[in-house]
N, C-alpha and C. Protein backbone atom coordinates (compact mmCIF):
# COMPACT_ATOMS: atom_id res chain seq x y z
N UNK A 1 -6.89 58.64 -139.29
CA UNK A 1 -8.11 59.59 -138.50
C UNK A 1 -8.71 60.59 -139.12
N UNK A 2 -10.02 60.79 -138.73
CA UNK A 2 -10.67 61.41 -139.60
C UNK A 2 -10.52 62.78 -138.60
N UNK A 3 -11.51 63.57 -139.07
CA UNK A 3 -11.91 64.96 -138.59
C UNK A 3 -12.25 64.56 -136.83
N UNK A 4 -12.12 65.52 -135.98
CA UNK A 4 -12.45 65.12 -134.76
C UNK A 4 -13.58 66.43 -134.23
N UNK A 5 -14.60 65.87 -133.14
CA UNK A 5 -15.17 66.85 -132.60
C UNK A 5 -14.18 67.84 -131.70
N UNK A 6 -14.11 69.06 -131.96
CA UNK A 6 -13.40 69.94 -130.95
C UNK A 6 -14.65 70.36 -130.23
N UNK A 7 -15.66 70.96 -130.36
CA UNK A 7 -16.54 71.86 -130.17
C UNK A 7 -17.92 71.68 -130.58
N UNK A 8 -18.67 72.47 -129.88
CA UNK A 8 -20.16 72.98 -131.15
C UNK A 8 -20.27 74.72 -130.81
N UNK A 9 -20.39 74.99 -132.45
CA UNK A 9 -20.36 76.66 -132.54
C UNK A 9 -20.61 77.20 -131.19
N UNK A 10 -21.59 76.81 -130.66
CA UNK A 10 -22.45 77.65 -129.47
C UNK A 10 -21.09 78.00 -128.38
N UNK A 11 -20.39 77.26 -128.39
CA UNK A 11 -18.73 77.20 -127.37
C UNK A 11 -17.93 78.15 -127.10
N UNK A 12 -18.27 78.76 -128.80
CA UNK A 12 -17.18 79.99 -128.84
C UNK A 12 -17.81 80.94 -129.90
N UNK A 13 -17.38 82.06 -129.09
CA UNK A 13 -18.30 83.25 -129.48
C UNK A 13 -16.93 83.96 -130.48
N UNK A 14 -17.43 84.42 -131.43
CA UNK A 14 -16.79 85.36 -132.15
C UNK A 14 -15.45 86.41 -131.42
N UNK A 15 -14.51 86.36 -131.57
CA UNK A 15 -13.45 87.19 -131.25
C UNK A 15 -12.71 86.21 -130.28
N UNK A 16 -13.00 84.61 -129.75
CA UNK A 16 -12.93 83.93 -128.44
C UNK A 16 -11.89 82.68 -129.22
N UNK A 17 -11.03 82.26 -128.40
CA UNK A 17 -10.49 81.30 -128.57
C UNK A 17 -10.29 80.21 -127.27
N UNK A 18 -9.94 78.89 -127.98
CA UNK A 18 -9.94 77.84 -126.86
C UNK A 18 -8.88 76.90 -127.09
N UNK A 19 -8.14 76.70 -126.08
CA UNK A 19 -7.17 75.29 -126.26
C UNK A 19 -8.06 73.85 -125.87
N UNK A 20 -7.72 72.90 -127.26
CA UNK A 20 -8.17 71.81 -126.80
C UNK A 20 -6.97 70.65 -127.17
N UNK A 21 -6.85 69.47 -126.66
CA UNK A 21 -5.98 68.68 -126.38
C UNK A 21 -6.65 67.79 -127.44
N UNK A 22 -6.41 67.11 -128.70
CA UNK A 22 -6.63 66.49 -129.56
C UNK A 22 -6.05 65.42 -129.91
N UNK A 23 -6.35 64.05 -130.59
CA UNK A 23 -5.49 63.08 -130.57
C UNK A 23 -4.49 63.21 -131.88
N UNK A 24 -3.48 62.81 -131.42
CA UNK A 24 -2.66 62.95 -132.86
C UNK A 24 -2.48 61.74 -133.31
N UNK A 25 -1.92 61.06 -134.50
CA UNK A 25 -1.86 59.92 -135.48
C UNK A 25 -1.72 58.67 -134.94
N UNK A 26 -0.42 59.48 -133.53
CA UNK A 26 0.48 58.26 -133.03
C UNK A 26 -0.29 58.09 -131.38
N UNK A 27 -1.76 58.94 -131.41
CA UNK A 27 -2.22 58.57 -130.28
C UNK A 27 -2.24 59.53 -129.20
N UNK A 28 -1.08 60.37 -129.44
CA UNK A 28 -0.37 61.38 -128.10
C UNK A 28 -1.60 62.63 -128.06
N UNK A 29 -1.64 63.11 -127.30
CA UNK A 29 -2.28 64.96 -127.14
C UNK A 29 -1.58 65.90 -127.83
N UNK A 30 -2.30 66.19 -128.55
CA UNK A 30 -1.90 67.31 -129.46
C UNK A 30 -2.28 68.92 -129.08
N UNK A 31 -1.74 69.76 -128.80
CA UNK A 31 -2.57 71.05 -128.29
C UNK A 31 -2.94 71.75 -129.27
N UNK A 32 -4.02 72.29 -129.61
CA UNK A 32 -4.85 72.74 -130.61
C UNK A 32 -5.56 74.04 -130.32
N UNK A 33 -5.25 75.32 -130.44
CA UNK A 33 -6.17 76.53 -130.73
C UNK A 33 -7.07 76.63 -131.51
N UNK A 34 -8.59 76.27 -131.11
CA UNK A 34 -9.36 76.58 -132.05
C UNK A 34 -9.86 78.06 -131.70
N UNK A 35 -9.95 79.13 -132.47
CA UNK A 35 -10.31 80.48 -132.69
C UNK A 35 -11.68 80.39 -133.40
N UNK A 36 -12.05 81.40 -133.23
CA UNK A 36 -13.22 81.94 -133.96
C UNK A 36 -13.07 83.49 -134.09
N UNK A 37 -12.87 84.03 -135.40
CA UNK A 37 -12.65 85.06 -135.92
C UNK A 37 -13.57 86.15 -135.49
N UNK A 38 -13.68 87.30 -135.98
CA UNK A 38 -14.56 88.41 -135.36
C UNK A 38 -15.60 88.49 -136.26
N UNK A 39 -15.49 87.64 -137.56
CA UNK A 39 -16.34 87.35 -138.53
C UNK A 39 -17.21 85.90 -138.34
N UNK A 40 -16.97 85.05 -137.02
CA UNK A 40 -17.54 84.12 -137.07
C UNK A 40 -17.04 82.96 -137.51
N UNK A 41 -15.70 82.80 -138.42
CA UNK A 41 -15.43 81.75 -138.84
C UNK A 41 -14.30 81.23 -137.82
N UNK A 42 -14.19 79.82 -137.77
CA UNK A 42 -13.56 79.34 -137.21
C UNK A 42 -12.39 78.92 -137.56
N UNK A 43 -11.13 78.62 -137.39
CA UNK A 43 -9.64 78.35 -137.34
C UNK A 43 -9.20 77.56 -136.72
N UNK A 44 -8.64 76.78 -136.76
CA UNK A 44 -7.83 75.59 -136.14
C UNK A 44 -6.08 76.13 -136.22
N UNK A 45 -5.47 76.28 -135.30
CA UNK A 45 -3.80 75.90 -135.40
C UNK A 45 -3.43 75.39 -134.11
N UNK A 46 -1.69 75.08 -134.15
CA UNK A 46 -1.19 74.79 -133.02
C UNK A 46 -1.48 75.80 -132.01
N UNK A 47 -1.45 75.12 -130.90
CA UNK A 47 -1.73 75.99 -129.91
C UNK A 47 -0.37 76.71 -129.18
N UNK A 48 0.74 76.12 -129.67
CA UNK A 48 1.89 76.46 -129.23
C UNK A 48 2.70 77.54 -130.29
N UNK A 49 3.19 78.56 -129.35
CA UNK A 49 3.65 79.71 -130.00
C UNK A 49 4.95 79.44 -130.53
N UNK A 50 5.30 79.73 -132.14
CA UNK A 50 6.50 79.59 -132.42
C UNK A 50 7.80 80.13 -131.88
N UNK A 51 7.44 80.86 -131.30
CA UNK A 51 8.83 81.71 -130.53
C UNK A 51 8.99 81.59 -129.39
N UNK A 52 7.62 81.59 -128.64
CA UNK A 52 7.59 81.43 -126.86
C UNK A 52 7.19 80.34 -126.01
N UNK A 53 7.01 79.29 -127.14
CA UNK A 53 6.42 78.03 -126.23
C UNK A 53 5.42 78.72 -125.23
N UNK A 54 4.44 79.24 -125.75
CA UNK A 54 3.47 79.55 -124.67
C UNK A 54 1.65 79.27 -125.34
N UNK A 55 1.16 79.14 -125.10
CA UNK A 55 -0.34 78.94 -125.61
C UNK A 55 -0.78 79.97 -126.15
N UNK A 56 -1.53 79.79 -127.76
CA UNK A 56 -2.06 81.06 -128.39
C UNK A 56 -3.23 81.08 -128.51
N UNK A 57 -4.05 80.36 -127.49
CA UNK A 57 -5.39 80.45 -127.46
C UNK A 57 -5.55 81.42 -126.06
N UNK A 58 -4.64 81.79 -125.28
CA UNK A 58 -4.35 82.46 -124.53
C UNK A 58 -4.35 83.96 -124.80
N UNK A 59 -4.14 84.24 -126.17
CA UNK A 59 -3.91 85.38 -126.76
C UNK A 59 -4.75 86.61 -126.99
N UNK A 60 -5.10 87.68 -127.44
CA UNK A 60 -6.15 88.27 -127.95
C UNK A 60 -6.46 87.62 -129.46
N UNK A 61 -7.68 87.79 -129.62
CA UNK A 61 -8.11 87.57 -131.11
C UNK A 61 -8.48 88.86 -131.65
N UNK A 62 -8.37 89.49 -132.58
CA UNK A 62 -8.16 90.27 -133.48
C UNK A 62 -8.54 90.20 -134.74
N UNK A 63 -9.33 90.81 -135.53
CA UNK A 63 -9.99 90.18 -137.02
C UNK A 63 -9.69 89.04 -137.18
N UNK A 64 -8.60 88.62 -138.28
CA UNK A 64 -8.28 87.08 -138.41
C UNK A 64 -7.40 86.70 -138.04
N UNK A 65 -6.23 87.32 -136.69
CA UNK A 65 -5.14 87.24 -136.02
C UNK A 65 -5.43 86.80 -134.67
N UNK A 66 -4.37 86.39 -134.04
CA UNK A 66 -4.37 86.15 -132.96
C UNK A 66 -3.18 86.33 -132.39
N UNK A 67 -2.85 87.18 -130.97
CA UNK A 67 -1.71 87.78 -130.97
C UNK A 67 -0.91 86.87 -129.62
N UNK A 68 -0.04 86.58 -129.74
CA UNK A 68 0.88 85.81 -128.41
C UNK A 68 0.74 86.57 -127.20
N UNK A 69 0.50 85.85 -125.92
CA UNK A 69 0.32 87.16 -125.25
C UNK A 69 1.68 87.38 -124.09
N UNK A 70 2.53 86.33 -124.56
CA UNK A 70 3.88 86.77 -124.10
C UNK A 70 4.69 87.84 -124.57
N UNK A 71 4.85 87.83 -126.07
CA UNK A 71 5.76 88.61 -126.54
C UNK A 71 4.71 89.48 -127.71
N UNK A 72 3.66 89.31 -127.79
CA UNK A 72 3.00 90.00 -129.04
C UNK A 72 3.00 89.81 -130.14
N UNK A 73 3.78 88.54 -130.56
CA UNK A 73 4.03 88.35 -132.16
C UNK A 73 2.40 88.17 -132.61
N UNK A 74 1.97 88.35 -133.73
CA UNK A 74 0.62 88.00 -134.06
C UNK A 74 0.63 86.90 -135.29
N UNK A 75 -0.32 85.84 -135.26
CA UNK A 75 -0.15 85.18 -136.33
C UNK A 75 -1.37 85.36 -137.02
N UNK A 76 -1.57 84.72 -138.32
CA UNK A 76 -2.50 85.12 -139.46
C UNK A 76 -3.33 83.44 -139.00
N UNK A 77 -4.71 83.61 -138.88
CA UNK A 77 -5.12 82.55 -138.39
C UNK A 77 -5.75 81.68 -139.87
N UNK A 78 -5.23 82.49 -140.93
CA UNK A 78 -5.33 81.24 -142.04
C UNK A 78 -4.66 80.68 -142.54
N UNK A 79 -3.59 81.11 -142.65
CA UNK A 79 -1.67 80.48 -142.77
C UNK A 79 -0.84 80.36 -141.38
N UNK A 80 -1.30 80.69 -140.31
CA UNK A 80 -0.47 80.35 -139.61
C UNK A 80 1.23 81.05 -139.35
N UNK A 81 1.23 82.11 -140.54
CA UNK A 81 2.49 82.88 -140.48
C UNK A 81 2.44 83.88 -139.37
N UNK A 82 3.69 83.96 -139.16
CA UNK A 82 3.89 85.19 -138.10
C UNK A 82 3.85 86.48 -138.95
N UNK A 83 2.98 87.83 -138.14
CA UNK A 83 2.87 88.67 -138.60
C UNK A 83 3.61 90.17 -138.15
N UNK A 84 4.48 89.25 -137.00
CA UNK A 84 4.98 90.70 -136.42
C UNK A 84 6.15 89.68 -135.38
N UNK A 85 7.01 90.20 -135.48
CA UNK A 85 8.15 89.85 -134.40
C UNK A 85 7.71 89.79 -132.92
N UNK A 86 8.69 89.23 -132.33
CA UNK A 86 9.57 88.09 -132.28
C UNK A 86 9.47 86.87 -133.28
N UNK A 87 8.30 86.32 -133.33
CA UNK A 87 8.10 85.16 -133.84
C UNK A 87 8.89 85.36 -135.87
N UNK A 88 9.30 84.66 -136.35
CA UNK A 88 9.68 84.27 -137.39
C UNK A 88 9.18 83.16 -138.25
N UNK A 89 8.74 81.85 -137.11
CA UNK A 89 8.45 80.78 -137.71
C UNK A 89 6.72 80.75 -138.00
N UNK A 90 5.91 80.01 -138.71
CA UNK A 90 5.00 79.53 -138.99
C UNK A 90 4.40 78.43 -137.71
N UNK A 91 3.11 78.45 -137.59
CA UNK A 91 2.40 77.36 -136.76
C UNK A 91 1.65 76.54 -137.53
N UNK A 92 1.75 75.12 -137.29
CA UNK A 92 0.93 74.50 -138.44
C UNK A 92 -0.46 74.86 -138.24
N UNK A 93 -1.34 74.98 -139.01
CA UNK A 93 -3.07 75.06 -139.02
C UNK A 93 -3.53 73.57 -139.35
N UNK A 94 -4.71 73.53 -139.39
CA UNK A 94 -5.66 72.42 -139.44
C UNK A 94 -6.68 72.68 -140.10
N UNK A 95 -7.27 72.00 -141.06
CA UNK A 95 -8.85 71.96 -141.67
C UNK A 95 -9.83 71.96 -140.50
N UNK A 96 -10.45 72.73 -140.58
CA UNK A 96 -12.11 73.18 -139.55
C UNK A 96 -13.37 72.56 -140.88
N UNK A 97 -13.86 71.98 -140.17
CA UNK A 97 -15.33 71.93 -140.92
C UNK A 97 -16.32 71.98 -140.03
N UNK A 98 -17.29 72.95 -140.02
CA UNK A 98 -18.57 72.90 -139.41
C UNK A 98 -19.77 71.83 -139.59
N UNK A 99 -19.85 71.20 -139.47
CA UNK A 99 -21.19 69.76 -139.56
C UNK A 99 -22.28 70.16 -138.74
N UNK A 100 -23.54 71.23 -139.01
CA UNK A 100 -24.55 71.35 -138.27
C UNK A 100 -23.85 72.62 -137.24
N UNK A 101 -24.26 71.80 -135.78
CA UNK A 101 -23.58 72.79 -134.92
C UNK A 101 -22.20 72.26 -134.13
N UNK A 102 -21.97 71.20 -134.95
CA UNK A 102 -20.52 70.66 -134.67
C UNK A 102 -19.01 71.27 -135.20
N UNK A 103 -18.16 71.35 -134.49
CA UNK A 103 -16.83 71.64 -135.40
C UNK A 103 -16.07 70.90 -134.95
N UNK A 104 -15.31 70.64 -136.64
CA UNK A 104 -14.53 69.11 -136.53
C UNK A 104 -13.23 69.72 -136.48
N UNK A 105 -12.18 69.14 -136.62
CA UNK A 105 -10.87 69.63 -136.77
C UNK A 105 -10.20 68.44 -136.92
N UNK A 106 -9.05 68.43 -138.12
CA UNK A 106 -8.52 67.28 -138.88
C UNK A 106 -7.17 67.46 -138.43
N UNK A 107 -6.47 67.00 -137.68
CA UNK A 107 -5.17 67.58 -136.93
C UNK A 107 -3.84 66.14 -137.94
N UNK A 108 -4.54 65.50 -138.63
CA UNK A 108 -3.96 64.41 -139.62
C UNK A 108 -3.55 65.05 -140.78
N UNK A 109 -4.57 66.21 -141.05
CA UNK A 109 -4.04 66.65 -142.42
C UNK A 109 -3.39 68.41 -142.21
N UNK A 110 -3.00 69.15 -143.09
CA UNK A 110 -2.67 70.40 -142.70
C UNK A 110 -3.85 71.07 -144.04
N UNK A 111 -4.12 72.41 -143.36
CA UNK A 111 -4.81 73.36 -144.41
C UNK A 111 -4.33 73.73 -145.62
N UNK A 112 -4.77 73.85 -146.52
CA UNK A 112 -4.42 74.47 -147.89
C UNK A 112 -3.81 75.98 -147.83
N UNK A 113 -2.54 76.44 -147.71
CA UNK A 113 -2.62 77.89 -147.14
C UNK A 113 -1.97 78.47 -148.50
N UNK A 114 -2.81 79.29 -148.62
CA UNK A 114 -2.51 80.33 -149.69
C UNK A 114 -0.77 80.66 -150.02
N UNK A 115 -0.36 80.86 -151.28
CA UNK A 115 1.07 81.04 -151.57
C UNK A 115 1.66 81.63 -150.38
């Protein structure tokens, strides 16, 4: 499968997030948080917190992080790594491409995560 159309750029303001159910390789729905950081860059990561099993897209976006609303863990939008407890495990991140006004997410690939 190739990148899937997630939304249009105008659908998400800087500092906002939305939940999407994209199609996994096996055809099942895959919950993805699409986040536009405060600088306007788009990021896609699993919408399920690795600690509390709740939706990250309902959390607060600050800089290039999203905070889980239930227990306060923050995750780096670029790497999926937790930056604060209680979460200790990263969440998957997915490559995002902006093609004109279309935001595309490839859930079949993992993003290149720095060191």
